[in-house]
Amino acid sequence: MKRVAVVIDGSADDRGLLEEAAACVTGTTADMLVLGIVTESAYENDQEVIEAIESAENADFSSETPEEYAQRATQSLVGDVLTDADFEYTIEGYVTDDDDHAETILDATEAHNCDHVFLHGKRRSPAGKAIFGDTAQQVILTFDGYVTVSVSE
């Protein structure tokens, strides 16, 4: 194992997934790529909140790209979880179409030569997967390496 990718998408289980991946990497020579993924609609909805923060704190995020926004949104969680990490990690931000993360994940993991991916999965029936698709399923079937899928109850 050389590089592990962890997909953080703003779900309630991001912390647990990141902790699980960190436990896997700790004590090895591997490093970690944290993919902070935000959907376009979530990014657009958050723009009003960002404008309010800019006014209240005299900050200026107006020159921030959507990818920088996604990276900054992920940074806080990563800083909390990986404070004592004994491995190198990098955070990259991505903005995707709603519920279409698989291509972004696969492109990023290939570009960074990742050999293991940690991501969230959803419980769906086989018919539901066929009709609506499933990011985890697409990554499992396409990624050339190990995939760990965390499915919450």
N, C-alpha and C. Protein backbone atom coordinates (compact mmCIF):
# COMPACT_ATOMS: atom_id res chain seq x y z
N MET A 1 0.85 -1.17 0.00
CA MET A 1 0.00 0.00 0.00
C MET A 1 0.90 1.24 0.00
N LYS A 2 0.67 2.11 -1.01
CA LYS A 2 1.47 3.31 -1.12
C LYS A 2 0.67 4.58 -0.85
N ARG A 3 -0.55 4.64 -1.41
CA ARG A 3 -1.37 5.84 -1.23
C ARG A 3 -2.83 5.43 -1.09
N VAL A 4 -3.45 5.94 -0.03
CA VAL A 4 -4.86 5.68 0.27
C VAL A 4 -5.65 6.95 -0.02
N ALA A 5 -6.78 6.81 -0.68
CA ALA A 5 -7.68 7.94 -0.91
C ALA A 5 -8.90 7.77 0.00
N VAL A 6 -9.32 8.86 0.62
CA VAL A 6 -10.50 8.87 1.48
C VAL A 6 -11.46 9.90 0.91
N VAL A 7 -12.69 9.48 0.64
CA VAL A 7 -13.69 10.36 0.04
C VAL A 7 -14.56 10.96 1.15
N ILE A 8 -14.44 12.26 1.35
CA ILE A 8 -15.20 13.00 2.34
C ILE A 8 -16.25 13.82 1.58
N ASP A 9 -17.51 13.57 1.89
CA ASP A 9 -18.57 14.22 1.12
C ASP A 9 -19.58 15.00 1.95
N GLY A 10 -19.22 15.30 3.19
CA GLY A 10 -20.12 16.10 4.02
C GLY A 10 -21.17 15.29 4.75
N SER A 11 -21.08 13.98 4.72
CA SER A 11 -22.07 13.17 5.42
C SER A 11 -21.71 13.05 6.89
N ALA A 12 -22.65 12.60 7.67
CA ALA A 12 -22.47 12.48 9.12
C ALA A 12 -21.39 11.46 9.48
N ASP A 13 -21.10 10.54 8.60
CA ASP A 13 -20.14 9.47 8.88
C ASP A 13 -18.73 9.76 8.38
N ASP A 14 -18.47 10.98 7.93
CA ASP A 14 -17.13 11.32 7.42
C ASP A 14 -16.04 11.10 8.47
N ARG A 15 -16.30 11.49 9.69
CA ARG A 15 -15.30 11.35 10.76
C ARG A 15 -14.91 9.89 10.94
N GLY A 16 -15.90 9.00 11.03
CA GLY A 16 -15.62 7.58 11.22
C GLY A 16 -14.84 6.99 10.05
N LEU A 17 -15.20 7.39 8.84
CA LEU A 17 -14.49 6.90 7.65
C LEU A 17 -13.04 7.36 7.65
N LEU A 18 -12.82 8.62 8.00
CA LEU A 18 -11.46 9.16 8.04
C LEU A 18 -10.64 8.49 9.15
N GLU A 19 -11.27 8.24 10.30
CA GLU A 19 -10.58 7.55 11.39
C GLU A 19 -10.20 6.12 10.99
N GLU A 20 -11.11 5.44 10.29
CA GLU A 20 -10.84 4.07 9.83
C GLU A 20 -9.68 4.04 8.84
N ALA A 21 -9.68 4.97 7.91
CA ALA A 21 -8.59 5.04 6.93
C ALA A 21 -7.27 5.39 7.61
N ALA A 22 -7.31 6.30 8.58
CA ALA A 22 -6.09 6.68 9.30
C ALA A 22 -5.53 5.48 10.07
N ALA A 23 -6.40 4.68 10.66
CA ALA A 23 -5.95 3.49 11.38
C ALA A 23 -5.26 2.52 10.43
N CYS A 24 -5.75 2.44 9.21
CA CYS A 24 -5.17 1.55 8.21
C CYS A 24 -3.78 2.04 7.77
N VAL A 25 -3.61 3.33 7.67
CA VAL A 25 -2.37 3.91 7.18
C VAL A 25 -1.31 4.03 8.29
N THR A 26 -1.74 4.23 9.52
CA THR A 26 -0.82 4.43 10.64
C THR A 26 0.15 3.25 10.75
N GLY A 27 1.41 3.59 10.87
CA GLY A 27 2.44 2.57 11.04
C GLY A 27 2.94 1.99 9.73
N THR A 28 2.46 2.49 8.62
CA THR A 28 2.94 2.02 7.31
C THR A 28 3.73 3.15 6.65
N THR A 29 4.22 2.90 5.47
CA THR A 29 4.92 3.94 4.71
C THR A 29 3.99 4.64 3.73
N ALA A 30 2.71 4.32 3.79
CA ALA A 30 1.73 4.90 2.87
C ALA A 30 1.40 6.33 3.27
N ASP A 31 0.89 7.09 2.31
CA ASP A 31 0.37 8.41 2.61
C ASP A 31 -1.11 8.45 2.22
N MET A 32 -1.76 9.57 2.49
CA MET A 32 -3.20 9.66 2.30
C MET A 32 -3.56 10.87 1.46
N LEU A 33 -4.51 10.65 0.57
CA LEU A 33 -5.12 11.71 -0.22
C LEU A 33 -6.56 11.83 0.25
N VAL A 34 -6.94 12.99 0.77
CA VAL A 34 -8.31 13.21 1.21
C VAL A 34 -9.02 13.99 0.11
N LEU A 35 -10.06 13.38 -0.43
CA LEU A 35 -10.84 14.00 -1.50
C LEU A 35 -12.09 14.64 -0.89
N GLY A 36 -12.10 15.95 -0.78
CA GLY A 36 -13.27 16.66 -0.28
C GLY A 36 -14.19 16.94 -1.44
N ILE A 37 -15.32 16.23 -1.47
CA ILE A 37 -16.24 16.36 -2.61
C ILE A 37 -17.52 17.07 -2.17
N VAL A 38 -17.86 18.12 -2.92
CA VAL A 38 -19.06 18.90 -2.67
C VAL A 38 -19.88 18.90 -3.96
N THR A 39 -21.19 18.74 -3.85
CA THR A 39 -22.03 18.80 -5.04
C THR A 39 -22.23 20.25 -5.45
N GLU A 40 -22.53 20.46 -6.72
CA GLU A 40 -22.75 21.81 -7.22
C GLU A 40 -23.90 22.49 -6.48
N SER A 41 -24.98 21.74 -6.21
CA SER A 41 -26.12 22.37 -5.53
C SER A 41 -25.77 22.75 -4.10
N ALA A 42 -25.00 21.92 -3.41
CA ALA A 42 -24.57 22.27 -2.04
C ALA A 42 -23.67 23.51 -2.07
N TYR A 43 -22.79 23.58 -3.04
CA TYR A 43 -21.91 24.74 -3.17
C TYR A 43 -22.73 26.00 -3.39
N GLU A 44 -23.70 25.95 -4.29
CA GLU A 44 -24.53 27.11 -4.58
C GLU A 44 -25.35 27.53 -3.36
N ASN A 45 -25.89 26.55 -2.63
CA ASN A 45 -26.66 26.86 -1.43
C ASN A 45 -25.80 27.51 -0.35
N ASP A 46 -24.56 27.09 -0.26
CA ASP A 46 -23.66 27.62 0.76
C ASP A 46 -23.15 29.02 0.44
N GLN A 47 -23.32 29.48 -0.77
CA GLN A 47 -22.82 30.80 -1.13
C GLN A 47 -23.47 31.90 -0.30
N GLU A 48 -24.76 31.77 0.04
CA GLU A 48 -25.43 32.77 0.87
C GLU A 48 -24.80 32.80 2.27
N VAL A 49 -24.50 31.63 2.81
CA VAL A 49 -23.87 31.55 4.12
C VAL A 49 -22.48 32.17 4.06
N ILE A 50 -21.76 31.89 3.00
CA ILE A 50 -20.41 32.44 2.84
C ILE A 50 -20.46 33.97 2.79
N GLU A 51 -21.44 34.52 2.08
CA GLU A 51 -21.56 35.97 2.01
C GLU A 51 -21.85 36.56 3.39
N ALA A 52 -22.65 35.89 4.20
CA ALA A 52 -22.93 36.37 5.56
C ALA A 52 -21.68 36.33 6.43
N ILE A 53 -20.88 35.27 6.28
CA ILE A 53 -19.63 35.15 7.04
C ILE A 53 -18.67 36.26 6.63
N GLU A 54 -18.58 36.52 5.33
CA GLU A 54 -17.70 37.57 4.86
C GLU A 54 -18.07 38.90 5.48
N SER A 55 -19.37 39.20 5.57
CA SER A 55 -19.82 40.46 6.16
C SER A 55 -19.51 40.52 7.64
N ALA A 56 -19.75 39.43 8.36
CA ALA A 56 -19.57 39.41 9.81
C ALA A 56 -18.10 39.42 10.21
N GLU A 57 -17.25 38.75 9.45
CA GLU A 57 -15.85 38.60 9.85
C GLU A 57 -14.87 39.42 9.01
N ASN A 58 -15.41 40.27 8.15
CA ASN A 58 -14.56 41.05 7.25
C ASN A 58 -13.61 40.16 6.47
N ALA A 59 -14.07 38.98 6.11
CA ALA A 59 -13.27 38.05 5.31
C ALA A 59 -13.67 38.18 3.86
N ASP A 60 -12.82 37.68 2.98
CA ASP A 60 -13.13 37.74 1.55
C ASP A 60 -12.84 36.39 0.92
N PHE A 61 -13.91 35.65 0.65
CA PHE A 61 -13.78 34.37 -0.03
C PHE A 61 -14.22 34.48 -1.49
N SER A 62 -14.47 35.72 -1.97
CA SER A 62 -15.02 35.89 -3.31
C SER A 62 -14.09 35.39 -4.41
N SER A 63 -12.79 35.39 -4.16
CA SER A 63 -11.87 34.90 -5.17
C SER A 63 -11.65 33.39 -5.08
N GLU A 64 -12.32 32.76 -4.14
CA GLU A 64 -12.17 31.33 -3.90
C GLU A 64 -12.89 30.53 -4.99
N THR A 65 -12.20 29.58 -5.58
CA THR A 65 -12.84 28.72 -6.58
C THR A 65 -13.70 27.68 -5.87
N PRO A 66 -14.63 27.04 -6.58
CA PRO A 66 -15.42 25.98 -5.96
C PRO A 66 -14.54 24.86 -5.38
N GLU A 67 -13.46 24.54 -6.06
CA GLU A 67 -12.56 23.49 -5.57
C GLU A 67 -11.86 23.92 -4.29
N GLU A 68 -11.47 25.20 -4.21
CA GLU A 68 -10.86 25.71 -2.98
C GLU A 68 -11.87 25.70 -1.85
N TYR A 69 -13.12 26.01 -2.16
CA TYR A 69 -14.18 25.94 -1.16
C TYR A 69 -14.32 24.52 -0.62
N ALA A 70 -14.35 23.54 -1.51
CA ALA A 70 -14.48 22.13 -1.10
C ALA A 70 -13.28 21.71 -0.25
N GLN A 71 -12.11 22.15 -0.62
CA GLN A 71 -10.91 21.83 0.15
C GLN A 71 -10.97 22.47 1.54
N ARG A 72 -11.38 23.72 1.61
CA ARG A 72 -11.47 24.42 2.90
C ARG A 72 -12.54 23.78 3.78
N ALA A 73 -13.64 23.35 3.18
CA ALA A 73 -14.71 22.71 3.94
C ALA A 73 -14.24 21.39 4.55
N THR A 74 -13.33 20.72 3.91
CA THR A 74 -12.80 19.44 4.39
C THR A 74 -11.68 19.62 5.41
N GLN A 75 -10.98 20.73 5.33
CA GLN A 75 -9.79 20.97 6.16
C GLN A 75 -10.08 20.87 7.66
N SER A 76 -11.20 21.39 8.11
CA SER A 76 -11.50 21.39 9.55
C SER A 76 -11.61 19.97 10.10
N LEU A 77 -12.35 19.13 9.41
CA LEU A 77 -12.51 17.74 9.85
C LEU A 77 -11.16 17.02 9.84
N VAL A 78 -10.42 17.18 8.79
CA VAL A 78 -9.12 16.52 8.67
C VAL A 78 -8.19 17.00 9.78
N GLY A 79 -8.19 18.30 10.05
CA GLY A 79 -7.35 18.83 11.12
C GLY A 79 -7.71 18.25 12.48
N ASP A 80 -9.00 18.03 12.73
CA ASP A 80 -9.45 17.44 14.00
C ASP A 80 -9.04 15.98 14.12
N VAL A 81 -9.22 15.21 13.05
CA VAL A 81 -9.00 13.76 13.11
C VAL A 81 -7.53 13.40 12.97
N LEU A 82 -6.81 14.09 12.14
CA LEU A 82 -5.43 13.69 11.85
C LEU A 82 -4.39 14.54 12.58
N THR A 83 -4.72 15.06 13.75
CA THR A 83 -3.79 15.92 14.48
C THR A 83 -2.49 15.21 14.83
N ASP A 84 -2.55 13.93 15.17
CA ASP A 84 -1.35 13.18 15.56
C ASP A 84 -0.92 12.18 14.49
N ALA A 85 -1.26 12.43 13.26
CA ALA A 85 -0.95 11.47 12.19
C ALA A 85 0.55 11.30 12.02
N ASP A 86 0.97 10.05 11.86
CA ASP A 86 2.39 9.77 11.62
C ASP A 86 2.65 9.49 10.14
N PHE A 87 1.80 10.04 9.30
CA PHE A 87 1.93 9.87 7.85
C PHE A 87 1.61 11.19 7.17
N GLU A 88 2.05 11.30 5.92
CA GLU A 88 1.78 12.49 5.12
C GLU A 88 0.37 12.41 4.55
N TYR A 89 -0.29 13.55 4.45
CA TYR A 89 -1.60 13.59 3.80
C TYR A 89 -1.76 14.89 3.02
N THR A 90 -2.59 14.80 2.00
CA THR A 90 -2.90 15.93 1.13
C THR A 90 -4.41 16.03 1.02
N ILE A 91 -4.92 17.25 0.97
CA ILE A 91 -6.36 17.46 0.81
C ILE A 91 -6.59 18.14 -0.52
N GLU A 92 -7.53 17.60 -1.29
CA GLU A 92 -7.92 18.23 -2.55
C GLU A 92 -9.43 18.37 -2.58
N GLY A 93 -9.90 19.47 -3.12
CA GLY A 93 -11.33 19.73 -3.21
C GLY A 93 -11.85 19.53 -4.61
N TYR A 94 -13.05 18.97 -4.70
CA TYR A 94 -13.71 18.72 -5.98
C TYR A 94 -15.18 19.09 -5.88
N VAL A 95 -15.71 19.67 -6.94
CA VAL A 95 -17.14 19.95 -7.03
C VAL A 95 -17.68 19.11 -8.17
N THR A 96 -18.75 18.35 -7.89
CA THR A 96 -19.31 17.43 -8.87
C THR A 96 -20.78 17.69 -9.11
N ASP A 97 -21.30 17.09 -10.18
CA ASP A 97 -22.74 17.08 -10.39
C ASP A 97 -23.37 16.36 -9.21
N ASP A 98 -24.61 16.68 -8.91
CA ASP A 98 -25.30 16.04 -7.79
C ASP A 98 -25.30 14.52 -7.97
N ASP A 99 -24.89 13.85 -6.92
CA ASP A 99 -24.90 12.38 -6.85
C ASP A 99 -24.13 11.70 -7.98
N ASP A 100 -23.12 12.34 -8.53
CA ASP A 100 -22.32 11.73 -9.58
C ASP A 100 -20.84 11.87 -9.23
N HIS A 101 -20.44 11.19 -8.15
CA HIS A 101 -19.08 11.31 -7.66
C HIS A 101 -18.12 10.30 -8.26
N ALA A 102 -18.61 9.21 -8.79
CA ALA A 102 -17.74 8.09 -9.19
C ALA A 102 -16.65 8.52 -10.17
N GLU A 103 -17.00 9.24 -11.20
CA GLU A 103 -16.01 9.64 -12.20
C GLU A 103 -14.93 10.54 -11.58
N THR A 104 -15.34 11.45 -10.71
CA THR A 104 -14.39 12.33 -10.04
C THR A 104 -13.44 11.52 -9.16
N ILE A 105 -14.00 10.57 -8.41
CA ILE A 105 -13.18 9.72 -7.54
C ILE A 105 -12.19 8.91 -8.36
N LEU A 106 -12.66 8.30 -9.41
CA LEU A 106 -11.80 7.47 -10.25
C LEU A 106 -10.70 8.29 -10.93
N ASP A 107 -11.04 9.47 -11.42
CA ASP A 107 -10.04 10.32 -12.07
C ASP A 107 -8.98 10.77 -11.07
N ALA A 108 -9.40 11.19 -9.88
CA ALA A 108 -8.46 11.68 -8.87
C ALA A 108 -7.56 10.56 -8.37
N THR A 109 -8.14 9.38 -8.13
CA THR A 109 -7.32 8.28 -7.61
C THR A 109 -6.33 7.79 -8.66
N GLU A 110 -6.72 7.84 -9.92
CA GLU A 110 -5.78 7.45 -10.98
C GLU A 110 -4.66 8.48 -11.11
N ALA A 111 -5.02 9.76 -11.08
CA ALA A 111 -4.03 10.82 -11.22
C ALA A 111 -3.00 10.80 -10.09
N HIS A 112 -3.42 10.33 -8.92
CA HIS A 112 -2.52 10.32 -7.75
C HIS A 112 -1.99 8.93 -7.41
N ASN A 113 -2.19 7.98 -8.33
CA ASN A 113 -1.68 6.61 -8.15
C ASN A 113 -2.09 5.98 -6.82
N CYS A 114 -3.35 6.13 -6.47
CA CYS A 114 -3.86 5.53 -5.24
C CYS A 114 -4.09 4.04 -5.46
N ASP A 115 -3.85 3.26 -4.42
CA ASP A 115 -4.07 1.83 -4.53
C ASP A 115 -5.12 1.31 -3.56
N HIS A 116 -5.76 2.22 -2.81
CA HIS A 116 -6.83 1.84 -1.89
C HIS A 116 -7.75 3.05 -1.75
N VAL A 117 -9.06 2.82 -1.79
CA VAL A 117 -10.04 3.89 -1.65
C VAL A 117 -10.99 3.55 -0.50
N PHE A 118 -11.24 4.53 0.35
CA PHE A 118 -12.24 4.44 1.40
C PHE A 118 -13.37 5.39 1.03
N LEU A 119 -14.62 4.90 1.01
CA LEU A 119 -15.74 5.76 0.70
C LEU A 119 -17.01 5.25 1.39
N HIS A 120 -18.02 6.11 1.37
CA HIS A 120 -19.33 5.77 1.94
C HIS A 120 -20.14 5.00 0.92
N GLY A 121 -21.02 4.16 1.42
CA GLY A 121 -21.96 3.46 0.56
C GLY A 121 -23.36 3.65 1.11
N LYS A 122 -24.34 3.35 0.29
CA LYS A 122 -25.75 3.44 0.69
C LYS A 122 -26.38 2.07 0.55
N ARG A 123 -27.23 1.75 1.47
CA ARG A 123 -27.99 0.50 1.35
C ARG A 123 -29.09 0.70 0.30
N ARG A 124 -29.01 -0.09 -0.76
CA ARG A 124 -30.02 -0.04 -1.81
C ARG A 124 -30.28 -1.45 -2.29
N SER A 125 -31.48 -1.64 -2.76
CA SER A 125 -31.82 -2.93 -3.36
C SER A 125 -31.12 -3.03 -4.71
N PRO A 126 -30.98 -4.24 -5.24
CA PRO A 126 -30.39 -4.37 -6.59
C PRO A 126 -31.14 -3.56 -7.64
N ALA A 127 -32.46 -3.52 -7.53
CA ALA A 127 -33.25 -2.73 -8.48
C ALA A 127 -32.95 -1.24 -8.32
N GLY A 128 -32.82 -0.79 -7.08
CA GLY A 128 -32.49 0.61 -6.82
C GLY A 128 -31.15 0.99 -7.40
N LYS A 129 -30.17 0.09 -7.29
CA LYS A 129 -28.85 0.36 -7.86
C LYS A 129 -28.93 0.44 -9.38
N ALA A 130 -29.72 -0.44 -9.97
CA ALA A 130 -29.84 -0.45 -11.43
C ALA A 130 -30.51 0.82 -11.95
N ILE A 131 -31.51 1.30 -11.23
CA ILE A 131 -32.26 2.47 -11.69
C ILE A 131 -31.52 3.77 -11.36
N PHE A 132 -31.06 3.90 -10.12
CA PHE A 132 -30.47 5.15 -9.66
C PHE A 132 -28.96 5.17 -9.72
N GLY A 133 -28.32 4.02 -9.89
CA GLY A 133 -26.87 3.96 -9.87
C GLY A 133 -26.35 4.01 -8.44
N ASP A 134 -25.11 3.74 -8.27
CA ASP A 134 -24.52 3.74 -6.95
C ASP A 134 -23.05 4.05 -7.10
N THR A 135 -22.60 5.13 -6.46
CA THR A 135 -21.20 5.54 -6.56
C THR A 135 -20.26 4.45 -6.10
N ALA A 136 -20.54 3.87 -4.93
CA ALA A 136 -19.66 2.83 -4.40
C ALA A 136 -19.56 1.66 -5.37
N GLN A 137 -20.68 1.25 -5.93
CA GLN A 137 -20.68 0.13 -6.87
C GLN A 137 -19.83 0.45 -8.10
N GLN A 138 -19.97 1.65 -8.63
CA GLN A 138 -19.19 2.05 -9.81
C GLN A 138 -17.70 2.05 -9.49
N VAL A 139 -17.33 2.54 -8.31
CA VAL A 139 -15.92 2.57 -7.93
C VAL A 139 -15.40 1.16 -7.74
N ILE A 140 -16.16 0.31 -7.06
CA ILE A 140 -15.74 -1.08 -6.84
C ILE A 140 -15.49 -1.79 -8.17
N LEU A 141 -16.38 -1.59 -9.12
CA LEU A 141 -16.28 -2.30 -10.40
C LEU A 141 -15.19 -1.73 -11.31
N THR A 142 -14.80 -0.49 -11.11
CA THR A 142 -13.87 0.17 -12.03
C THR A 142 -12.47 0.38 -11.45
N PHE A 143 -12.37 0.64 -10.16
CA PHE A 143 -11.08 0.96 -9.54
C PHE A 143 -10.15 -0.24 -9.58
N ASP A 144 -8.89 0.01 -9.92
CA ASP A 144 -7.90 -1.06 -10.00
C ASP A 144 -7.10 -1.10 -8.70
N GLY A 145 -7.75 -1.54 -7.64
CA GLY A 145 -7.13 -1.61 -6.32
C GLY A 145 -8.17 -2.00 -5.29
N TYR A 146 -7.81 -1.82 -4.03
CA TYR A 146 -8.72 -2.17 -2.95
C TYR A 146 -9.73 -1.05 -2.70
N VAL A 147 -10.94 -1.43 -2.35
CA VAL A 147 -11.97 -0.45 -2.02
C VAL A 147 -12.61 -0.88 -0.71
N THR A 148 -12.64 0.05 0.25
CA THR A 148 -13.32 -0.19 1.51
C THR A 148 -14.55 0.71 1.54
N VAL A 149 -15.71 0.11 1.69
CA VAL A 149 -16.97 0.85 1.69
C VAL A 149 -17.56 0.79 3.09
N SER A 150 -17.84 1.96 3.64
CA SER A 150 -18.48 2.06 4.96
C SER A 150 -19.95 2.34 4.73
N VAL A 151 -20.81 1.45 5.26
CA VAL A 151 -22.24 1.60 5.12
C VAL A 151 -22.83 1.83 6.50
N SER A 152 -23.46 2.98 6.68
CA SER A 152 -24.05 3.29 7.99
C SER A 152 -25.40 2.61 8.10
N GLU A 153 -25.80 2.40 9.34
CA GLU A 153 -27.09 1.73 9.61
C GLU A 153 -28.23 2.68 9.44
